[in-house]
């Protein structure tokens, strides 16, 4: 797969990144380099290999799963820029 300048411009627009016209060829070339690397990774045989969390074998620390009611409403709302009647207040986004 190859990315041309118009596709690079479309991706930049979708990502809301301002890219000047003279920078589009370099951006398209970078996209193509990334896609080339992904194609190389797809050629690697990973049949029978378990996914890893870390390169060193370790167990994650576990804690006891305890259910509590929280009861920290005042602490949580103290960080809110605007809180009313025990709730976060946010601007209206739908008309």
PDB file of N, CA and C in Angstrom:
ATOM      1  N   UNK A   1       0.842  -1.170   0.000  1.00  0.00           N
ATOM      2  CA  UNK A   1       0.000   0.000   0.000  1.00  0.00           C
ATOM      3  C   UNK A   1       0.889   1.236   0.000  1.00  0.00           C
ATOM      4  N   UNK A   2       0.499   2.218  -0.755  1.00  0.00           N
ATOM      5  CA  UNK A   2       1.280   3.442  -0.856  1.00  0.00           C
ATOM      6  C   UNK A   2       0.375   4.644  -0.576  1.00  0.00           C
ATOM      7  N   UNK A   3       0.914   5.590   0.166  1.00  0.00           N
ATOM      8  CA  UNK A   3       0.179   6.806   0.515  1.00  0.00           C
ATOM      9  C   UNK A   3       0.667   7.939  -0.378  1.00  0.00           C
ATOM     10  N   UNK A   4      -0.273   8.598  -1.060  1.00  0.00           N
ATOM     11  CA  UNK A   4       0.110   9.748  -1.882  1.00  0.00           C
ATOM     12  C   UNK A   4      -0.151  11.032  -1.090  1.00  0.00           C
ATOM     13  N   UNK A   5       0.176  12.167  -1.698  1.00  0.00           N
ATOM     14  CA  UNK A   5       0.070  13.446  -0.999  1.00  0.00           C
ATOM     15  C   UNK A   5      -1.379  13.796  -0.643  1.00  0.00           C
ATOM     16  N   UNK A   6      -2.316  13.464  -1.520  1.00  0.00           N
ATOM     17  CA  UNK A   6      -3.713  13.787  -1.216  1.00  0.00           C
ATOM     18  C   UNK A   6      -4.222  12.970  -0.029  1.00  0.00           C
ATOM     19  N   UNK A   7      -3.804  11.703   0.069  1.00  0.00           N
ATOM     20  CA  UNK A   7      -4.194  10.875   1.209  1.00  0.00           C
ATOM     21  C   UNK A   7      -3.535  11.388   2.483  1.00  0.00           C
ATOM     22  N   UNK A   8      -2.277  11.806   2.394  1.00  0.00           N
ATOM     23  CA  UNK A   8      -1.581  12.371   3.554  1.00  0.00           C
ATOM     24  C   UNK A   8      -2.288  13.636   4.023  1.00  0.00           C
ATOM     25  N   UNK A   9      -2.745  14.460   3.086  1.00  0.00           N
ATOM     26  CA  UNK A   9      -3.470  15.676   3.448  1.00  0.00           C
ATOM     27  C   UNK A   9      -4.790  15.332   4.132  1.00  0.00           C
ATOM     28  N   UNK A  10      -5.473  14.293   3.640  1.00  0.00           N
ATOM     29  CA  UNK A  10      -6.738  13.883   4.238  1.00  0.00           C
ATOM     30  C   UNK A  10      -6.522  13.362   5.654  1.00  0.00           C
ATOM     31  N   UNK A  11      -5.466  12.563   5.855  1.00  0.00           N
ATOM     32  CA  UNK A  11      -5.167  12.040   7.192  1.00  0.00           C
ATOM     33  C   UNK A  11      -4.837  13.182   8.144  1.00  0.00           C
ATOM     34  N   UNK A  12      -4.062  14.148   7.669  1.00  0.00           N
ATOM     35  CA  UNK A  12      -3.718  15.300   8.502  1.00  0.00           C
ATOM     36  C   UNK A  12      -4.972  16.088   8.882  1.00  0.00           C
ATOM     37  N   UNK A  13      -5.880  16.238   7.939  1.00  0.00           N
ATOM     38  CA  UNK A  13      -7.126  16.959   8.225  1.00  0.00           C
ATOM     39  C   UNK A  13      -7.962  16.204   9.251  1.00  0.00           C
ATOM     40  N   UNK A  14      -8.070  14.874   9.088  1.00  0.00           N
ATOM     41  CA  UNK A  14      -8.827  14.070  10.041  1.00  0.00           C
ATOM     42  C   UNK A  14      -8.208  14.125  11.437  1.00  0.00           C
ATOM     43  N   UNK A  15      -6.878  14.220  11.482  1.00  0.00           N
ATOM     44  CA  UNK A  15      -6.178  14.297  12.772  1.00  0.00           C
ATOM     45  C   UNK A  15      -6.130  15.720  13.301  1.00  0.00           C
ATOM     46  N   UNK A  16      -6.702  16.645  12.538  1.00  0.00           N
ATOM     47  CA  UNK A  16      -6.713  18.064  12.899  1.00  0.00           C
ATOM     48  C   UNK A  16      -5.296  18.596  13.097  1.00  0.00           C
ATOM     49  N   UNK A  17      -4.413  18.217  12.170  1.00  0.00           N
ATOM     50  CA  UNK A  17      -3.031  18.678  12.172  1.00  0.00           C
ATOM     51  C   UNK A  17      -2.836  19.565  10.961  1.00  0.00           C
ATOM     52  N   UNK A  18      -2.365  20.790  11.192  1.00  0.00           N
ATOM     53  CA  UNK A  18      -2.123  21.710  10.087  1.00  0.00           C
ATOM     54  C   UNK A  18      -0.795  21.348   9.439  1.00  0.00           C
ATOM     55  N   UNK A  19      -0.847  21.008   8.155  1.00  0.00           N
ATOM     56  CA  UNK A  19       0.348  20.653   7.395  1.00  0.00           C
ATOM     57  C   UNK A  19       0.398  21.544   6.165  1.00  0.00           C
ATOM     58  N   UNK A  20       1.504  22.235   5.998  1.00  0.00           N
ATOM     59  CA  UNK A  20       1.677  23.101   4.829  1.00  0.00           C
ATOM     60  C   UNK A  20       1.820  22.255   3.567  1.00  0.00           C
ATOM     61  N   UNK A  21       1.466  22.826   2.434  1.00  0.00           N
ATOM     62  CA  UNK A  21       1.523  22.117   1.146  1.00  0.00           C
ATOM     63  C   UNK A  21       2.922  21.571   0.854  1.00  0.00           C
ATOM     64  N   UNK A  22       3.960  22.353   1.170  1.00  0.00           N
ATOM     65  CA  UNK A  22       5.318  21.914   0.859  1.00  0.00           C
ATOM     66  C   UNK A  22       5.797  20.788   1.780  1.00  0.00           C
ATOM     67  N   UNK A  23       5.087  20.540   2.896  1.00  0.00           N
ATOM     68  CA  UNK A  23       5.457  19.465   3.813  1.00  0.00           C
ATOM     69  C   UNK A  23       4.722  18.162   3.515  1.00  0.00           C
ATOM     70  N   UNK A  24       3.753  18.186   2.599  1.00  0.00           N
ATOM     71  CA  UNK A  24       2.979  16.972   2.304  1.00  0.00           C
ATOM     72  C   UNK A  24       3.820  15.835   1.715  1.00  0.00           C
ATOM     73  N   UNK A  25       4.766  16.096   0.802  1.00  0.00           N
ATOM     74  CA  UNK A  25       5.568  14.970   0.296  1.00  0.00           C
ATOM     75  C   UNK A  25       6.351  14.255   1.403  1.00  0.00           C
ATOM     76  N   UNK A  26       6.911  15.013   2.335  1.00  0.00           N
ATOM     77  CA  UNK A  26       7.658  14.398   3.433  1.00  0.00           C
ATOM     78  C   UNK A  26       6.732  13.597   4.339  1.00  0.00           C
ATOM     79  N   UNK A  27       5.523  14.125   4.582  1.00  0.00           N
ATOM     80  CA  UNK A  27       4.557  13.416   5.413  1.00  0.00           C
ATOM     81  C   UNK A  27       4.132  12.113   4.749  1.00  0.00           C
ATOM     82  N   UNK A  28       3.876  12.162   3.456  1.00  0.00           N
ATOM     83  CA  UNK A  28       3.500  10.951   2.725  1.00  0.00           C
ATOM     84  C   UNK A  28       4.629   9.928   2.777  1.00  0.00           C
ATOM     85  N   UNK A  29       5.867  10.392   2.681  1.00  0.00           N
ATOM     86  CA  UNK A  29       7.021   9.482   2.738  1.00  0.00           C
ATOM     87  C   UNK A  29       7.121   8.844   4.130  1.00  0.00           C
ATOM     88  N   UNK A  30       6.860   9.619   5.188  1.00  0.00           N
ATOM     89  CA  UNK A  30       6.877   9.062   6.547  1.00  0.00           C
ATOM     90  C   UNK A  30       5.780   8.016   6.722  1.00  0.00           C
ATOM     91  N   UNK A  31       4.587   8.307   6.202  1.00  0.00           N
ATOM     92  CA  UNK A  31       3.503   7.325   6.275  1.00  0.00           C
ATOM     93  C   UNK A  31       3.896   6.034   5.563  1.00  0.00           C
ATOM     94  N   UNK A  32       4.501   6.156   4.398  1.00  0.00           N
ATOM     95  CA  UNK A  32       4.928   4.982   3.647  1.00  0.00           C
ATOM     96  C   UNK A  32       5.996   4.198   4.398  1.00  0.00           C
ATOM     97  N   UNK A  33       6.897   4.898   5.105  1.00  0.00           N
ATOM     98  CA  UNK A  33       7.921   4.206   5.893  1.00  0.00           C
ATOM     99  C   UNK A  33       7.266   3.423   7.029  1.00  0.00           C
ATOM    100  N   UNK A  34       6.268   4.011   7.675  1.00  0.00           N
ATOM    101  CA  UNK A  34       5.563   3.319   8.754  1.00  0.00           C
ATOM    102  C   UNK A  34       4.833   2.091   8.210  1.00  0.00           C
ATOM    103  N   UNK A  35       4.148   2.266   7.084  1.00  0.00           N
ATOM    104  CA  UNK A  35       3.440   1.125   6.486  1.00  0.00           C
ATOM    105  C   UNK A  35       4.406   0.028   6.060  1.00  0.00           C
ATOM    106  N   UNK A  36       5.579   0.412   5.574  1.00  0.00           N
ATOM    107  CA  UNK A  36       6.594  -0.583   5.211  1.00  0.00           C
ATOM    108  C   UNK A  36       7.054  -1.373   6.421  1.00  0.00           C
ATOM    109  N   UNK A  37       7.226  -0.688   7.546  1.00  0.00           N
ATOM    110  CA  UNK A  37       7.629  -1.372   8.771  1.00  0.00           C
ATOM    111  C   UNK A  37       6.530  -2.319   9.243  1.00  0.00           C
ATOM    112  N   UNK A  38       5.285  -1.904   9.125  1.00  0.00           N
ATOM    113  CA  UNK A  38       4.168  -2.771   9.515  1.00  0.00           C
ATOM    114  C   UNK A  38       4.123  -4.011   8.628  1.00  0.00           C
ATOM    115  N   UNK A  39       4.404  -3.844   7.344  1.00  0.00           N
ATOM    116  CA  UNK A  39       4.456  -5.001   6.443  1.00  0.00           C
ATOM    117  C   UNK A  39       5.559  -5.960   6.851  1.00  0.00           C
ATOM    118  N   UNK A  40       6.694  -5.428   7.296  1.00  0.00           N
ATOM    119  CA  UNK A  40       7.777  -6.295   7.781  1.00  0.00           C
ATOM    120  C   UNK A  40       7.333  -7.068   9.013  1.00  0.00           C
ATOM    121  N   UNK A  41       6.632  -6.398   9.918  1.00  0.00           N
ATOM    122  CA  UNK A  41       6.160  -7.073  11.126  1.00  0.00           C
ATOM    123  C   UNK A  41       5.154  -8.169  10.786  1.00  0.00           C
ATOM    124  N   UNK A  42       4.342  -7.956   9.764  1.00  0.00           N
ATOM    125  CA  UNK A  42       3.351  -8.956   9.371  1.00  0.00           C
ATOM    126  C   UNK A  42       4.010 -10.211   8.819  1.00  0.00           C
ATOM    127  N   UNK A  43       5.252 -10.119   8.362  1.00  0.00           N
ATOM    128  CA  UNK A  43       5.953 -11.279   7.815  1.00  0.00           C
ATOM    129  C   UNK A  43       6.511 -12.194   8.901  1.00  0.00           C
ATOM    130  N   UNK A  44       6.583 -11.731  10.136  1.00  0.00           N
ATOM    131  CA  UNK A  44       7.147 -12.511  11.229  1.00  0.00           C
ATOM    132  C   UNK A  44       6.168 -13.606  11.636  1.00  0.00           C
ATOM    133  N   UNK A  45       6.688 -14.836  11.777  1.00  0.00           N
ATOM    134  CA  UNK A  45       5.864 -15.971  12.188  1.00  0.00           C
ATOM    135  C   UNK A  45       5.731 -15.957  13.710  1.00  0.00           C
ATOM    136  N   UNK A  46       4.528 -15.723  14.207  1.00  0.00           N
ATOM    137  CA  UNK A  46       4.288 -15.683  15.652  1.00  0.00           C
ATOM    138  C   UNK A  46       3.362 -16.819  16.088  1.00  0.00           C
ATOM    139  N   UNK A  47       3.255 -17.837  15.280  1.00  0.00           N
ATOM    140  CA  UNK A  47       2.408 -18.985  15.591  1.00  0.00           C
ATOM    141  C   UNK A  47       2.881 -19.651  16.874  1.00  0.00           C
ATOM    142  N   UNK A  48       1.983 -19.812  17.835  1.00  0.00           N
ATOM    143  CA  UNK A  48       2.293 -20.506  19.077  1.00  0.00           C
ATOM    144  C   UNK A  48       3.004 -19.650  20.113  1.00  0.00           C
ATOM    145  N   UNK A  49       3.170 -18.372  19.878  1.00  0.00           N
ATOM    146  CA  UNK A  49       3.848 -17.501  20.836  1.00  0.00           C
ATOM    147  C   UNK A  49       2.788 -16.753  21.641  1.00  0.00           C
ATOM    148  N   UNK A  50       2.909 -16.851  22.954  1.00  0.00           N
ATOM    149  CA  UNK A  50       1.959 -16.195  23.850  1.00  0.00           C
ATOM    150  C   UNK A  50       2.232 -14.694  23.897  1.00  0.00           C
ATOM    151  N   UNK A  51       1.198 -13.858  23.972  1.00  0.00           N
ATOM    152  CA  UNK A  51       1.403 -12.421  24.146  1.00  0.00           C
ATOM    153  C   UNK A  51       2.094 -12.135  25.474  1.00  0.00           C
ATOM    154  N   UNK A  52       2.912 -11.077  25.511  1.00  0.00           N
ATOM    155  CA  UNK A  52       3.665 -10.735  26.714  1.00  0.00           C
ATOM    156  C   UNK A  52       3.154  -9.424  27.306  1.00  0.00           C
ATOM    157  N   UNK A  53       3.261  -9.309  28.609  1.00  0.00           N
ATOM    158  CA  UNK A  53       2.994  -8.060  29.289  1.00  0.00           C
ATOM    159  C   UNK A  53       4.302  -7.311  29.504  1.00  0.00           C
ATOM    160  N   UNK A  54       5.375  -8.066  29.714  1.00  0.00           N
ATOM    161  CA  UNK A  54       6.681  -7.492  29.990  1.00  0.00           C
ATOM    162  C   UNK A  54       7.751  -8.414  29.428  1.00  0.00           C
ATOM    163  N   UNK A  55       8.956  -7.872  29.228  1.00  0.00           N
ATOM    164  CA  UNK A  55      10.045  -8.714  28.720  1.00  0.00           C
ATOM    165  C   UNK A  55      10.654  -9.552  29.827  1.00  0.00           C
ATOM    166  N   UNK A  56      10.381  -9.203  31.068  1.00  0.00           N
ATOM    167  CA  UNK A  56      10.864 -10.009  32.182  1.00  0.00           C
ATOM    168  C   UNK A  56       9.666 -10.694  32.826  1.00  0.00           C
ATOM    169  N   UNK A  57       9.795 -11.988  33.145  1.00  0.00           N
ATOM    170  CA  UNK A  57       8.656 -12.686  33.751  1.00  0.00           C
ATOM    171  C   UNK A  57       8.406 -12.162  35.168  1.00  0.00           C
ATOM    172  N   UNK A  58       7.217 -11.678  35.405  1.00  0.00           N
ATOM    173  CA  UNK A  58       6.864 -11.182  36.735  1.00  0.00           C
ATOM    174  C   UNK A  58       5.361 -11.290  36.925  1.00  0.00           C
ATOM    175  N   UNK A  59       4.984 -11.372  38.170  1.00  0.00           N
ATOM    176  CA  UNK A  59       3.569 -11.361  38.502  1.00  0.00           C
ATOM    177  C   UNK A  59       3.221  -9.976  39.002  1.00  0.00           C
ATOM    178  N   UNK A  60       2.068  -9.501  38.598  1.00  0.00           N
ATOM    179  CA  UNK A  60       1.614  -8.203  39.055  1.00  0.00           C
ATOM    180  C   UNK A  60       1.162  -8.284  40.507  1.00  0.00           C
ATOM    181  N   UNK A  61       1.423  -7.233  41.253  1.00  0.00           N
ATOM    182  CA  UNK A  61       0.979  -7.198  42.638  1.00  0.00           C
ATOM    183  C   UNK A  61      -0.540  -7.140  42.656  1.00  0.00           C
ATOM    184  N   UNK A  62      -1.112  -7.882  43.543  1.00  0.00           N
ATOM    185  CA  UNK A  62      -2.565  -7.918  43.630  1.00  0.00           C
ATOM    186  C   UNK A  62      -2.994  -7.382  44.991  1.00  0.00           C
ATOM    187  N   UNK A  63      -4.176  -6.808  45.005  1.00  0.00           N
ATOM    188  CA  UNK A  63      -4.746  -6.339  46.253  1.00  0.00           C
ATOM    189  C   UNK A  63      -6.090  -7.012  46.438  1.00  0.00           C
ATOM    190  N   UNK A  64      -6.525  -7.048  47.658  1.00  0.00           N
ATOM    191  CA  UNK A  64      -7.820  -7.655  47.946  1.00  0.00           C
ATOM    192  C   UNK A  64      -8.921  -6.771  47.363  1.00  0.00           C
ATOM    193  N   UNK A  65      -9.882  -7.391  46.735  1.00  0.00           N
ATOM    194  CA  UNK A  65     -10.985  -6.672  46.124  1.00  0.00           C
ATOM    195  C   UNK A  65     -12.052  -6.435  47.188  1.00  0.00           C
ATOM    196  N   UNK A  66     -12.087  -5.204  47.682  1.00  0.00           N
ATOM    197  CA  UNK A  66     -13.009  -4.860  48.765  1.00  0.00           C
ATOM    198  C   UNK A  66     -14.023  -3.857  48.228  1.00  0.00           C
ATOM    199  N   UNK A  67     -15.292  -4.140  48.467  1.00  0.00           N
ATOM    200  CA  UNK A  67     -16.355  -3.234  48.051  1.00  0.00           C
ATOM    201  C   UNK A  67     -16.612  -2.244  49.175  1.00  0.00           C
ATOM    202  N   UNK A  68     -16.608  -0.939  48.815  1.00  0.00           N
ATOM    203  CA  UNK A  68     -16.971   0.071  49.802  1.00  0.00           C
ATOM    204  C   UNK A  68     -17.823   1.126  49.117  1.00  0.00           C
ATOM    205  N   UNK A  69     -18.442   1.972  49.903  1.00  0.00           N
ATOM    206  CA  UNK A  69     -19.353   2.948  49.323  1.00  0.00           C
ATOM    207  C   UNK A  69     -18.640   4.216  48.866  1.00  0.00           C
ATOM    208  N   UNK A  70     -17.341   4.321  49.073  1.00  0.00           N
ATOM    209  CA  UNK A  70     -16.611   5.502  48.657  1.00  0.00           C
ATOM    210  C   UNK A  70     -16.716   6.599  49.690  1.00  0.00           C
ATOM    211  N   UNK A  71     -17.891   7.179  49.820  1.00  0.00           N
ATOM    212  CA  UNK A  71     -18.164   8.216  50.799  1.00  0.00           C
ATOM    213  C   UNK A  71     -17.121   9.338  50.746  1.00  0.00           C
ATOM    214  N   UNK A  72     -16.768   9.766  49.523  1.00  0.00           N
ATOM    215  CA  UNK A  72     -15.777  10.818  49.356  1.00  0.00           C
ATOM    216  C   UNK A  72     -16.295  11.900  48.411  1.00  0.00           C
ATOM    217  N   UNK A  73     -17.570  12.132  48.425  1.00  0.00           N
ATOM    218  CA  UNK A  73     -18.165  13.096  47.501  1.00  0.00           C
ATOM    219  C   UNK A  73     -17.542  14.478  47.657  1.00  0.00           C
ATOM    220  N   UNK A  74     -17.331  14.922  48.879  1.00  0.00           N
ATOM    221  CA  UNK A  74     -16.752  16.251  49.095  1.00  0.00           C
ATOM    222  C   UNK A  74     -15.333  16.335  48.553  1.00  0.00           C
ATOM    223  N   UNK A  75     -14.531  15.286  48.759  1.00  0.00           N
ATOM    224  CA  UNK A  75     -13.158  15.282  48.245  1.00  0.00           C
ATOM    225  C   UNK A  75     -13.146  15.317  46.721  1.00  0.00           C
ATOM    226  N   UNK A  76     -14.013  14.529  46.106  1.00  0.00           N
ATOM    227  CA  UNK A  76     -14.058  14.461  44.645  1.00  0.00           C
ATOM    228  C   UNK A  76     -14.500  15.797  44.070  1.00  0.00           C
ATOM    229  N   UNK A  77     -15.541  16.365  44.619  1.00  0.00           N
ATOM    230  CA  UNK A  77     -16.068  17.625  44.088  1.00  0.00           C
ATOM    231  C   UNK A  77     -15.178  18.822  44.410  1.00  0.00           C
ATOM    232  N   UNK A  78     -14.237  18.677  45.343  1.00  0.00           N
ATOM    233  CA  UNK A  78     -13.343  19.793  45.650  1.00  0.00           C
ATOM    234  C   UNK A  78     -12.425  20.115  44.474  1.00  0.00           C
ATOM    235  N   UNK A  79     -12.197  19.175  43.576  1.00  0.00           N
ATOM    236  CA  UNK A  79     -11.364  19.393  42.392  1.00  0.00           C
ATOM    237  C   UNK A  79     -12.150  19.937  41.207  1.00  0.00           C
ATOM    238  N   UNK A  80     -13.458  19.972  41.313  1.00  0.00           N
ATOM    239  CA  UNK A  80     -14.291  20.401  40.188  1.00  0.00           C
ATOM    240  C   UNK A  80     -14.243  21.916  40.039  1.00  0.00           C
ATOM    241  N   UNK A  81     -14.126  22.408  38.785  1.00  0.00           N
ATOM    242  CA  UNK A  81     -14.166  23.853  38.591  1.00  0.00           C
ATOM    243  C   UNK A  81     -15.531  24.437  38.948  1.00  0.00           C
ATOM    244  N   UNK A  82     -16.589  23.644  38.782  1.00  0.00           N
ATOM    245  CA  UNK A  82     -17.930  24.112  39.125  1.00  0.00           C
ATOM    246  C   UNK A  82     -18.766  22.908  39.560  1.00  0.00           C
ATOM    247  N   UNK A  83     -19.226  22.935  40.801  1.00  0.00           N
ATOM    248  CA  UNK A  83     -20.066  21.854  41.320  1.00  0.00           C
ATOM    249  C   UNK A  83     -21.268  22.474  42.010  1.00  0.00           C
ATOM    250  N   UNK A  84     -22.435  21.885  41.741  1.00  0.00           N
ATOM    251  CA  UNK A  84     -23.668  22.379  42.354  1.00  0.00           C
ATOM    252  C   UNK A  84     -24.510  21.201  42.827  1.00  0.00           C
ATOM    253  N   UNK A  85     -25.066  21.337  44.001  1.00  0.00           N
ATOM    254  CA  UNK A  85     -25.981  20.353  44.573  1.00  0.00           C
ATOM    255  C   UNK A  85     -25.397  18.941  44.582  1.00  0.00           C
ATOM    256  N   UNK A  86     -24.082  18.836  44.809  1.00  0.00           N
ATOM    257  CA  UNK A  86     -23.444  17.531  44.917  1.00  0.00           C
ATOM    258  C   UNK A  86     -23.089  16.883  43.597  1.00  0.00           C
ATOM    259  N   UNK A  87     -23.094  17.642  42.505  1.00  0.00           N
ATOM    260  CA  UNK A  87     -22.776  17.084  41.190  1.00  0.00           C
ATOM    261  C   UNK A  87     -21.793  18.004  40.458  1.00  0.00           C
ATOM    262  N   UNK A  88     -21.076  17.449  39.476  1.00  0.00           N
ATOM    263  CA  UNK A  88     -20.258  18.257  38.584  1.00  0.00           C
ATOM    264  C   UNK A  88     -21.188  19.081  37.695  1.00  0.00           C
ATOM    265  N   UNK A  89     -20.834  20.317  37.468  1.00  0.00           N
ATOM    266  CA  UNK A  89     -21.603  21.167  36.556  1.00  0.00           C
ATOM    267  C   UNK A  89     -20.784  21.337  35.286  1.00  0.00           C
ATOM    268  N   UNK A  90     -21.401  21.009  34.144  1.00  0.00           N
ATOM    269  CA  UNK A  90     -20.709  21.086  32.863  1.00  0.00           C
ATOM    270  C   UNK A  90     -21.524  21.950  31.911  1.00  0.00           C
ATOM    271  N   UNK A  91     -20.852  22.551  30.909  1.00  0.00           N
ATOM    272  CA  UNK A  91     -21.606  23.362  29.959  1.00  0.00           C
ATOM    273  C   UNK A  91     -22.522  22.501  29.104  1.00  0.00           C
ATOM    274  N   UNK A  92     -23.618  23.078  28.689  1.00  0.00           N
ATOM    275  CA  UNK A  92     -24.562  22.399  27.807  1.00  0.00           C
ATOM    276  C   UNK A  92     -23.906  22.219  26.436  1.00  0.00           C
ATOM    277  N   UNK A  93     -23.943  21.005  25.884  1.00  0.00           N
ATOM    278  CA  UNK A  93     -23.313  20.747  24.594  1.00  0.00           C
ATOM    279  C   UNK A  93     -24.320  20.385  23.506  1.00  0.00           C
ATOM    280  N   UNK A  94     -25.573  20.177  23.862  1.00  0.00           N
ATOM    281  CA  UNK A  94     -26.599  19.820  22.890  1.00  0.00           C
ATOM    282  C   UNK A  94     -27.704  20.870  22.976  1.00  0.00           C
ATOM    283  N   UNK A  95     -28.115  21.388  21.838  1.00  0.00           N
ATOM    284  CA  UNK A  95     -29.209  22.362  21.817  1.00  0.00           C
ATOM    285  C   UNK A  95     -30.551  21.686  21.735  1.00  0.00           C
TER     286      UNK A  95
END
